[in-house]
């Protein structure tokens, strides 16, 4: 009787602990457990890591953007308000808006602006139309579709120098394949470098050849995101492929088409390498009569050939303002499309 009372009075041993509990759990919670201060420090470190890690990951981009884009942009704006020569960078005199006034009164500036617009127009419109047609063909199940996609992207991967060199040989006055074809069909040969529209057309073909495949793949990706139910419904209503393309594909591609138009316009405004290499010796002048001198070439000629960095900086900022206008038009059109849908 006494032994049984003593057994009931004694605490349960580790062997007699409740099922599921570990030996010394209560004792470990106080003896070997993590201090409350350490636990609080770890939770603060975790919260700080969750908040600061995203900024640490994107910081390299902003550092590079500030060093190679923002600082040169602001420095160019400062140069555009001064008279600065390439041979004497330390001697700067305040000019205010004189460089911009000289641009507005310069026939060369308006000629470069006109050439930029015309070359951009005759290169962008055929390019995007051809890209849209190619994407529509590739959207159907074709044999070797992956190979065709790689082939279309090859011109984009080709360097500007290599592509321009090939097209320069094709448009050569003496022995060029284009003039040979024209002679074969009974048309007189054209001096593509000296002709006004001929030179702009030749430069535009380089741009079309390089960027058509790239835009076609963008359209193709957008087409593959269109629900198949829309095409099935159109087919049940009796629509053929052309009607499906016109009434289903085009309306669904409006945002993508607008995006490619804006990007192509920006690229046309900054056109430089093709026209510089196509002109050869007179490449920086855009031909003997400046017949295909773009804004990019005009800025290069003023800054690095003549050495007038102040005026070249004003041209650069004029191009930047044009791009801002393009971006604003893009924003307005995007909002209008969203409201119309």
Foldseek 3Di string as FASTA:
>chain_A
DVVVVVVVVDDDAQVRDDPPDHPCPVVCCPPVNDDPVVVVVVVVVVVCCVVCVVCVVCVVVVVCCCVPPVVVLVVLVVLLQWFAFQVCRPDTDGRGCVLVVVLVVDPLNVLQAVLLVVLLVLQQVVLLVLLLVVLLVLLDDDPPSVVVLVVLQVLQVDDLLVLLVVLLQLLDQPNHVVQVVCVVVPHHRDNQQADQVSVSNSLSVSSSSNCSSVLSVLLNVQQVPFDVVLVVVCVVVPDDPVRCCVPPSVLSCVLVSLVSSLVSSLCSLQDDSNQQSSNPPCSLCSGPVSSNNHLNSPLCCVCPVVRRSNSSSSSVVVSVVVSVVSVVVSVVVVVVSVVVD
